[in-house]
Amino acid sequence: MKIEICAYSLESCIAAEQGGANRIELCASPYEGGTTPSAGLIQLAKQHTSIEVHVMIRPRGSDFCYSALELEQMKQDMLVAKQLGADGFVLGILEKNGRVNVEQTKAFVELAHPLPVTFHRAIDMTPDYLQALEDIIEAGCKRILTSGQKNLAEEGAENLKALIKQANGRIDVMIGSGVNVRNALKLAALGADALHFTGKSTRDSEMEFRKEDIAMGGLSEVPEYGVMYSNVEKIRAVVALFKSA
């Protein structure tokens, strides 16, 4: 079973490798579900780790229907990441009607070549899950990341089973969202090729002075003085399940 860690920092990239993961999905902006990381982070992730680093190509949070300007930004980000040694890319592009934008996805697959492209959980926002699978295969993506169109992968188990059955080995299916040591074996048993998770922990900020009446992100629910990171012990615990299975 391949294990991919969603990492939002250099610290988390190092934890992914130390924990025994096979691959890193490198992102920025955890509270937006992941956006394109900086060039500096991509370069350092490659310098400090020896496992694969797949770079998120997403210009913003919110939906997956992009303007012409946003698509140009995504293309430039992909080219820069390629130059910095990325091992693959992660993206998802939808039409206004919620279906997979096959034409644009194909264009990015061609731009990424010979590196692989993962179509991310944008598939979970489509109106026809199994048709989306066919569209993604047509576009030439190497794998899909999905939770079975539910907030948590455990809740989407039936949908995941149907998708994996229809995929029939034509594309890798990676399960993500809420994966942990408690449910990893059960989710893997659905027939997944890989599991994707963060191994998230949060530690208190080292700031001593704290201004409590203001939030830099403008969102009070996002912790101003908490630092999210991938916990190496949580990663090791999941990896160990498959070594002993």
C-alpha atoms as a PDB file:
ATOM      1  CA  MET A   1       0.000   0.000   0.000  1.00  0.00           C
ATOM      2  CA  LYS A   2       1.405   3.362  -1.044  1.00  0.00           C
ATOM      3  CA  ILE A   3       1.185   6.117   1.558  1.00  0.00           C
ATOM      4  CA  GLU A   4       1.041   9.768   0.504  1.00  0.00           C
ATOM      5  CA  ILE A   5       1.325  12.592   3.021  1.00  0.00           C
ATOM      6  CA  CYS A   6      -0.266  15.960   2.376  1.00  0.00           C
ATOM      7  CA  ALA A   7       2.454  18.338   3.606  1.00  0.00           C
ATOM      8  CA  TYR A   8       2.110  22.089   4.072  1.00  0.00           C
ATOM      9  CA  SER A   9       5.629  22.821   5.342  1.00  0.00           C
ATOM     10  CA  LEU A  10       9.219  21.678   5.038  1.00  0.00           C
ATOM     11  CA  GLU A  11       8.952  20.229   8.547  1.00  0.00           C
ATOM     12  CA  SER A  12       6.019  18.089   7.415  1.00  0.00           C
ATOM     13  CA  CYS A  13       7.891  16.922   4.301  1.00  0.00           C
ATOM     14  CA  ILE A  14      10.737  15.685   6.474  1.00  0.00           C
ATOM     15  CA  ALA A  15       8.243  14.004   8.821  1.00  0.00           C
ATOM     16  CA  ALA A  16       6.641  12.239   5.842  1.00  0.00           C
ATOM     17  CA  GLU A  17       9.926  10.641   4.846  1.00  0.00           C
ATOM     18  CA  GLN A  18      10.940   9.833   8.426  1.00  0.00           C
ATOM     19  CA  GLY A  19       7.545   8.239   8.983  1.00  0.00           C
ATOM     20  CA  GLY A  20       7.980   5.881   6.044  1.00  0.00           C
ATOM     21  CA  ALA A  21       5.647   7.493   3.491  1.00  0.00           C
ATOM     22  CA  ASN A  22       6.206   6.849  -0.209  1.00  0.00           C
ATOM     23  CA  ARG A  23       5.194  10.227  -1.541  1.00  0.00           C
ATOM     24  CA  ILE A  24       4.485  13.838  -0.583  1.00  0.00           C
ATOM     25  CA  GLU A  25       1.665  15.997  -1.892  1.00  0.00           C
ATOM     26  CA  LEU A  26       3.114  19.470  -1.383  1.00  0.00           C
ATOM     27  CA  CYS A  27       0.647  22.289  -0.756  1.00  0.00           C
ATOM     28  CA  ALA A  28       0.163  25.692   0.811  1.00  0.00           C
ATOM     29  CA  SER A  29      -2.926  27.067   2.602  1.00  0.00           C
ATOM     30  CA  PRO A  30      -4.254  24.173   4.717  1.00  0.00           C
ATOM     31  CA  TYR A  31      -7.353  26.099   5.716  1.00  0.00           C
ATOM     32  CA  GLU A  32      -8.317  26.488   2.038  1.00  0.00           C
ATOM     33  CA  GLY A  33      -7.870  22.801   1.281  1.00  0.00           C
ATOM     34  CA  GLY A  34      -4.465  23.243  -0.331  1.00  0.00           C
ATOM     35  CA  THR A  35      -3.106  25.646  -2.936  1.00  0.00           C
ATOM     36  CA  THR A  36       0.114  25.883  -4.945  1.00  0.00           C
ATOM     37  CA  PRO A  37       3.191  26.017  -2.686  1.00  0.00           C
ATOM     38  CA  SER A  38       5.971  28.556  -3.108  1.00  0.00           C
ATOM     39  CA  ALA A  39       8.965  27.908  -5.333  1.00  0.00           C
ATOM     40  CA  GLY A  40      11.159  28.072  -2.246  1.00  0.00           C
ATOM     41  CA  LEU A  41       9.218  25.322  -0.501  1.00  0.00           C
ATOM     42  CA  ILE A  42       9.306  23.095  -3.590  1.00  0.00           C
ATOM     43  CA  GLN A  43      13.068  23.525  -3.897  1.00  0.00           C
ATOM     44  CA  LEU A  44      13.698  22.830  -0.198  1.00  0.00           C
ATOM     45  CA  ALA A  45      11.366  19.826  -0.157  1.00  0.00           C
ATOM     46  CA  LYS A  46      13.421  18.297  -2.957  1.00  0.00           C
ATOM     47  CA  GLN A  47      16.689  19.134  -1.214  1.00  0.00           C
ATOM     48  CA  HIS A  48      15.685  17.746   2.185  1.00  0.00           C
ATOM     49  CA  THR A  49      13.844  14.569   1.151  1.00  0.00           C
ATOM     50  CA  SER A  50      14.437  11.668  -1.213  1.00  0.00           C
ATOM     51  CA  ILE A  51      10.835  10.490  -1.711  1.00  0.00           C
ATOM     52  CA  GLU A  52       8.591  11.738  -4.515  1.00  0.00           C
ATOM     53  CA  VAL A  53       7.235  15.278  -4.228  1.00  0.00           C
ATOM     54  CA  HIS A  54       4.009  15.914  -6.133  1.00  0.00           C
ATOM     55  CA  VAL A  55       3.081  19.579  -6.299  1.00  0.00           C
ATOM     56  CA  MET A  56      -0.438  20.955  -5.950  1.00  0.00           C
ATOM     57  CA  ILE A  57      -1.417  23.220  -8.850  1.00  0.00           C
ATOM     58  CA  ARG A  58      -4.323  25.266  -7.530  1.00  0.00           C
ATOM     59  CA  PRO A  59      -4.297  29.080  -7.743  1.00  0.00           C
ATOM     60  CA  ARG A  60      -6.835  29.717  -4.979  1.00  0.00           C
ATOM     61  CA  GLY A  61      -9.318  28.143  -2.620  1.00  0.00           C
ATOM     62  CA  SER A  62     -13.057  27.870  -3.339  1.00  0.00           C
ATOM     63  CA  ASP A  63     -14.348  26.087  -6.469  1.00  0.00           C
ATOM     64  CA  PHE A  64     -12.501  24.431  -9.351  1.00  0.00           C
ATOM     65  CA  CYS A  65     -13.862  26.434 -12.297  1.00  0.00           C
ATOM     66  CA  TYR A  66     -11.011  28.687 -13.365  1.00  0.00           C
ATOM     67  CA  SER A  67     -10.737  31.821 -15.480  1.00  0.00           C
ATOM     68  CA  ALA A  68      -8.338  32.158 -18.395  1.00  0.00           C
ATOM     69  CA  LEU A  69      -5.978  34.182 -16.205  1.00  0.00           C
ATOM     70  CA  GLU A  70      -6.046  31.540 -13.476  1.00  0.00           C
ATOM     71  CA  LEU A  71      -5.315  28.803 -15.995  1.00  0.00           C
ATOM     72  CA  GLU A  72      -2.310  30.782 -17.249  1.00  0.00           C
ATOM     73  CA  GLN A  73      -1.078  31.070 -13.668  1.00  0.00           C
ATOM     74  CA  MET A  74      -1.494  27.322 -13.176  1.00  0.00           C
ATOM     75  CA  LYS A  75       0.503  26.602 -16.333  1.00  0.00           C
ATOM     76  CA  GLN A  76       3.317  28.881 -15.222  1.00  0.00           C
ATOM     77  CA  ASP A  77       3.320  27.313 -11.747  1.00  0.00           C
ATOM     78  CA  MET A  78       3.598  23.868 -13.317  1.00  0.00           C
ATOM     79  CA  LEU A  79       6.534  24.915 -15.496  1.00  0.00           C
ATOM     80  CA  VAL A  80       8.365  26.449 -12.522  1.00  0.00           C
ATOM     81  CA  ALA A  81       7.741  23.369 -10.367  1.00  0.00           C
ATOM     82  CA  LYS A  82       9.009  21.160 -13.183  1.00  0.00           C
ATOM     83  CA  GLN A  83      12.245  23.151 -13.316  1.00  0.00           C
ATOM     84  CA  LEU A  84      12.612  22.757  -9.548  1.00  0.00           C
ATOM     85  CA  GLY A  85      12.436  18.971  -9.782  1.00  0.00           C
ATOM     86  CA  ALA A  86       8.806  18.122  -8.995  1.00  0.00           C
ATOM     87  CA  ASP A  87       8.038  14.423  -9.451  1.00  0.00           C
ATOM     88  CA  GLY A  88       4.382  14.914 -10.367  1.00  0.00           C
ATOM     89  CA  PHE A  89       1.420  17.249 -10.125  1.00  0.00           C
ATOM     90  CA  VAL A  90      -1.973  17.381  -8.454  1.00  0.00           C
ATOM     91  CA  LEU A  91      -4.866  19.369  -9.919  1.00  0.00           C
ATOM     92  CA  GLY A  92      -8.554  19.374 -10.741  1.00  0.00           C
ATOM     93  CA  ILE A  93     -10.517  21.494 -13.218  1.00  0.00           C
ATOM     94  CA  LEU A  94     -14.302  21.526 -13.583  1.00  0.00           C
ATOM     95  CA  GLU A  95     -16.773  23.060 -16.018  1.00  0.00           C
ATOM     96  CA  LYS A  96     -19.474  25.459 -14.829  1.00  0.00           C
ATOM     97  CA  ASN A  97     -21.911  22.532 -14.831  1.00  0.00           C
ATOM     98  CA  GLY A  98     -19.693  20.605 -12.412  1.00  0.00           C
ATOM     99  CA  ARG A  99     -18.385  18.078 -14.925  1.00  0.00           C
ATOM    100  CA  VAL A 100     -14.679  17.460 -15.440  1.00  0.00           C
ATOM    101  CA  ASN A 101     -13.124  19.905 -17.886  1.00  0.00           C
ATOM    102  CA  VAL A 102     -11.554  17.241 -20.079  1.00  0.00           C
ATOM    103  CA  GLU A 103      -9.997  19.642 -22.583  1.00  0.00           C
ATOM    104  CA  GLN A 104      -8.151  21.702 -19.982  1.00  0.00           C
ATOM    105  CA  THR A 105      -7.163  18.648 -17.949  1.00  0.00           C
ATOM    106  CA  LYS A 106      -5.677  17.057 -21.081  1.00  0.00           C
ATOM    107  CA  ALA A 107      -3.698  20.241 -21.720  1.00  0.00           C
ATOM    108  CA  PHE A 108      -2.158  20.071 -18.255  1.00  0.00           C
ATOM    109  CA  VAL A 109      -1.404  16.363 -18.590  1.00  0.00           C
ATOM    110  CA  GLU A 110       0.464  17.165 -21.816  1.00  0.00           C
ATOM    111  CA  LEU A 111       2.302  20.066 -20.167  1.00  0.00           C
ATOM    112  CA  ALA A 112       3.299  17.843 -17.240  1.00  0.00           C
ATOM    113  CA  HIS A 113       4.599  15.011 -19.469  1.00  0.00           C
ATOM    114  CA  PRO A 114       6.515  12.857 -18.710  1.00  0.00           C
ATOM    115  CA  LEU A 115       5.530  13.511 -15.093  1.00  0.00           C
ATOM    116  CA  PRO A 116       2.232  12.054 -13.803  1.00  0.00           C
ATOM    117  CA  VAL A 117      -0.882  14.033 -12.898  1.00  0.00           C
ATOM    118  CA  THR A 118      -3.245  13.214 -10.042  1.00  0.00           C
ATOM    119  CA  PHE A 119      -6.809  14.524 -10.351  1.00  0.00           C
ATOM    120  CA  HIS A 120      -7.658  15.602  -6.816  1.00  0.00           C
ATOM    121  CA  ARG A 121     -10.891  15.739  -4.818  1.00  0.00           C
ATOM    122  CA  ALA A 122     -12.518  18.040  -7.342  1.00  0.00           C
ATOM    123  CA  ILE A 123     -13.999  14.702  -8.464  1.00  0.00           C
ATOM    124  CA  ASP A 124     -15.951  14.694  -5.212  1.00  0.00           C
ATOM    125  CA  MET A 125     -17.707  17.896  -6.313  1.00  0.00           C
ATOM    126  CA  THR A 126     -19.009  16.508  -9.623  1.00  0.00           C
ATOM    127  CA  PRO A 127     -22.682  15.640 -10.291  1.00  0.00           C
ATOM    128  CA  ASP A 128     -21.940  12.203 -11.784  1.00  0.00           C
ATOM    129  CA  TYR A 129     -19.118  10.441  -9.942  1.00  0.00           C
ATOM    130  CA  LEU A 130     -18.659   7.508 -12.300  1.00  0.00           C
ATOM    131  CA  GLN A 131     -18.852   9.665 -15.429  1.00  0.00           C
ATOM    132  CA  ALA A 132     -16.201  11.894 -13.866  1.00  0.00           C
ATOM    133  CA  LEU A 133     -13.996   8.816 -13.522  1.00  0.00           C
ATOM    134  CA  GLU A 134     -14.318   8.130 -17.256  1.00  0.00           C
ATOM    135  CA  ASP A 135     -13.567  11.756 -18.099  1.00  0.00           C
ATOM    136  CA  ILE A 136     -10.429  11.750 -15.939  1.00  0.00           C
ATOM    137  CA  ILE A 137      -9.212   8.531 -17.550  1.00  0.00           C
ATOM    138  CA  GLU A 138      -9.844  10.056 -20.991  1.00  0.00           C
ATOM    139  CA  ALA A 139      -7.806  13.114 -19.992  1.00  0.00           C
ATOM    140  CA  GLY A 140      -4.812  10.897 -19.248  1.00  0.00           C
ATOM    141  CA  CYS A 141      -4.384  11.329 -15.499  1.00  0.00           C
ATOM    142  CA  LYS A 142      -2.330   8.744 -13.628  1.00  0.00           C
ATOM    143  CA  ARG A 143      -4.469   8.645 -10.475  1.00  0.00           C
ATOM    144  CA  ILE A 144      -7.480  10.035  -8.660  1.00  0.00           C
ATOM    145  CA  LEU A 145      -7.639  11.286  -5.078  1.00  0.00           C
ATOM    146  CA  THR A 146     -11.142  10.901  -3.669  1.00  0.00           C
ATOM    147  CA  SER A 147     -13.229  10.532  -0.528  1.00  0.00           C
ATOM    148  CA  GLY A 148     -16.182   8.962  -2.316  1.00  0.00           C
ATOM    149  CA  GLN A 149     -18.037  12.291  -2.582  1.00  0.00           C
ATOM    150  CA  LYS A 150     -18.366  12.587   1.194  1.00  0.00           C
ATOM    151  CA  ASN A 151     -16.608  14.795   3.746  1.00  0.00           C
ATOM    152  CA  LEU A 152     -14.843  11.733   5.154  1.00  0.00           C
ATOM    153  CA  ALA A 153     -13.697   8.688   3.200  1.00  0.00           C
ATOM    154  CA  GLU A 154     -15.314   6.300   5.684  1.00  0.00           C
ATOM    155  CA  GLU A 155     -18.683   7.864   4.881  1.00  0.00           C
ATOM    156  CA  GLY A 156     -18.035   7.427   1.156  1.00  0.00           C
ATOM    157  CA  ALA A 157     -17.121   3.726   1.321  1.00  0.00           C
ATOM    158  CA  GLU A 158     -19.951   2.519  -0.922  1.00  0.00           C
ATOM    159  CA  ASN A 159     -19.205   5.126  -3.564  1.00  0.00           C
ATOM    160  CA  LEU A 160     -15.507   4.296  -3.371  1.00  0.00           C
ATOM    161  CA  LYS A 161     -16.199   0.607  -3.924  1.00  0.00           C
ATOM    162  CA  ALA A 162     -18.270   1.407  -7.006  1.00  0.00           C
ATOM    163  CA  LEU A 163     -15.587   3.719  -8.388  1.00  0.00           C
ATOM    164  CA  ILE A 164     -12.771   1.221  -7.814  1.00  0.00           C
ATOM    165  CA  LYS A 165     -14.819  -1.534  -9.451  1.00  0.00           C
ATOM    166  CA  GLN A 166     -15.516   0.589 -12.522  1.00  0.00           C
ATOM    167  CA  ALA A 167     -11.907   1.812 -12.718  1.00  0.00           C
ATOM    168  CA  ASN A 168     -10.816  -1.842 -12.974  1.00  0.00           C
ATOM    169  CA  GLY A 169      -7.125  -0.987 -12.864  1.00  0.00           C
ATOM    170  CA  ARG A 170      -7.283   1.629 -15.622  1.00  0.00           C
ATOM    171  CA  ILE A 171      -6.235   4.377 -13.199  1.00  0.00           C
ATOM    172  CA  ASP A 172      -4.838   4.400  -9.663  1.00  0.00           C
ATOM    173  CA  VAL A 173      -7.388   5.260  -6.982  1.00  0.00           C
ATOM    174  CA  MET A 174      -6.047   6.957  -3.861  1.00  0.00           C
ATOM    175  CA  ILE A 175      -8.378   7.376  -0.890  1.00  0.00           C
ATOM    176  CA  GLY A 176      -8.134  10.487   1.264  1.00  0.00           C
ATOM    177  CA  SER A 177      -9.979  12.600   3.854  1.00  0.00           C
ATOM    178  CA  GLY A 178     -10.048  11.455   7.441  1.00  0.00           C
ATOM    179  CA  VAL A 179      -7.614   8.555   6.968  1.00  0.00           C
ATOM    180  CA  ASN A 180      -5.968   7.507  10.241  1.00  0.00           C
ATOM    181  CA  VAL A 181      -4.585   4.507  12.125  1.00  0.00           C
ATOM    182  CA  ARG A 182      -8.086   3.444  13.145  1.00  0.00           C
ATOM    183  CA  ASN A 183      -9.585   3.171   9.649  1.00  0.00           C
ATOM    184  CA  ALA A 184      -6.622   2.772   7.268  1.00  0.00           C
ATOM    185  CA  LEU A 185      -6.866  -1.018   6.903  1.00  0.00           C
ATOM    186  CA  LYS A 186     -10.613  -0.876   6.333  1.00  0.00           C
ATOM    187  CA  LEU A 187     -10.259   1.793   3.653  1.00  0.00           C
ATOM    188  CA  ALA A 188      -7.382  -0.030   1.981  1.00  0.00           C
ATOM    189  CA  ALA A 189      -9.550  -3.155   1.821  1.00  0.00           C
ATOM    190  CA  LEU A 190     -11.909  -1.313  -0.543  1.00  0.00           C
ATOM    191  CA  GLY A 191      -9.256  -1.860  -3.207  1.00  0.00           C
ATOM    192  CA  ALA A 192      -7.338   1.401  -3.052  1.00  0.00           C
ATOM    193  CA  ASP A 193      -3.902   1.728  -4.615  1.00  0.00           C
ATOM    194  CA  ALA A 194      -2.837   4.350  -2.065  1.00  0.00           C
ATOM    195  CA  LEU A 195      -3.947   6.198   1.056  1.00  0.00           C
ATOM    196  CA  HIS A 196      -3.568   9.953   1.508  1.00  0.00           C
ATOM    197  CA  PHE A 197      -3.581  11.823   4.802  1.00  0.00           C
ATOM    198  CA  THR A 198      -1.907  14.640   6.718  1.00  0.00           C
ATOM    199  CA  GLY A 199      -1.146  13.017  10.076  1.00  0.00           C
ATOM    200  CA  LYS A 200      -2.163  16.355  11.492  1.00  0.00           C
ATOM    201  CA  SER A 201      -1.226  17.692  14.891  1.00  0.00           C
ATOM    202  CA  THR A 202      -1.244  21.274  16.162  1.00  0.00           C
ATOM    203  CA  ARG A 203       1.184  22.834  18.584  1.00  0.00           C
ATOM    204  CA  ASP A 204       1.008  26.121  20.383  1.00  0.00           C
ATOM    205  CA  SER A 205       2.820  29.067  18.825  1.00  0.00           C
ATOM    206  CA  GLU A 206       6.095  30.251  20.364  1.00  0.00           C
ATOM    207  CA  MET A 207       4.737  33.796  20.454  1.00  0.00           C
ATOM    208  CA  GLU A 208       4.749  35.227  23.963  1.00  0.00           C
ATOM    209  CA  PHE A 209       2.904  38.455  23.190  1.00  0.00           C
ATOM    210  CA  ARG A 210      -0.539  37.728  21.768  1.00  0.00           C
ATOM    211  CA  LYS A 211      -2.973  40.297  20.440  1.00  0.00           C
ATOM    212  CA  GLU A 212      -6.279  38.551  20.994  1.00  0.00           C
ATOM    213  CA  ASP A 213      -8.697  40.972  19.294  1.00  0.00           C
ATOM    214  CA  ILE A 214      -7.449  40.602  15.713  1.00  0.00           C
ATOM    215  CA  ALA A 215      -7.009  37.759  13.226  1.00  0.00           C
ATOM    216  CA  MET A 216      -4.596  38.168  10.313  1.00  0.00           C
ATOM    217  CA  GLY A 217      -6.598  35.849   8.100  1.00  0.00           C
ATOM    218  CA  GLY A 218      -9.830  37.585   8.991  1.00  0.00           C
ATOM    219  CA  LEU A 219     -11.322  34.294  10.202  1.00  0.00           C
ATOM    220  CA  SER A 220     -11.708  33.808  13.929  1.00  0.00           C
ATOM    221  CA  GLU A 221     -12.125  30.022  13.558  1.00  0.00           C
ATOM    222  CA  VAL A 222      -8.589  29.680  12.145  1.00  0.00           C
ATOM    223  CA  PRO A 223      -6.126  29.481  15.065  1.00  0.00           C
ATOM    224  CA  GLU A 224      -3.916  32.573  15.078  1.00  0.00           C
ATOM    225  CA  TYR A 225      -1.475  31.093  17.564  1.00  0.00           C
ATOM    226  CA  GLY A 226      -1.489  27.439  16.575  1.00  0.00           C
ATOM    227  CA  VAL A 227       0.915  25.733  14.162  1.00  0.00           C
ATOM    228  CA  MET A 228      -0.331  22.746  12.165  1.00  0.00           C
ATOM    229  CA  TYR A 229       2.178  20.065  11.182  1.00  0.00           C
ATOM    230  CA  SER A 230       2.356  16.428  10.080  1.00  0.00           C
ATOM    231  CA  ASN A 231       3.119  14.255  13.096  1.00  0.00           C
ATOM    232  CA  VAL A 232       5.789  11.659  12.321  1.00  0.00           C
ATOM    233  CA  GLU A 233       4.400   9.225  14.905  1.00  0.00           C
ATOM    234  CA  LYS A 234       0.931   9.315  13.329  1.00  0.00           C
ATOM    235  CA  ILE A 235       2.495   8.594   9.954  1.00  0.00           C
ATOM    236  CA  ARG A 236       4.595   5.737  11.338  1.00  0.00           C
ATOM    237  CA  ALA A 237       1.528   4.203  12.965  1.00  0.00           C
ATOM    238  CA  VAL A 238      -0.318   3.951   9.644  1.00  0.00           C
ATOM    239  CA  VAL A 239       2.745   2.728   7.748  1.00  0.00           C
ATOM    240  CA  ALA A 240       3.290   0.033  10.409  1.00  0.00           C
ATOM    241  CA  LEU A 241      -0.199  -1.366   9.813  1.00  0.00           C
ATOM    242  CA  PHE A 242       0.776  -2.448   6.325  1.00  0.00           C
ATOM    243  CA  LYS A 243       4.182  -3.778   7.312  1.00  0.00           C
ATOM    244  CA  SER A 244       2.551  -6.159   9.796  1.00  0.00           C
ATOM    245  CA  ALA A 245      -0.544  -6.995   7.721  1.00  0.00           C
END
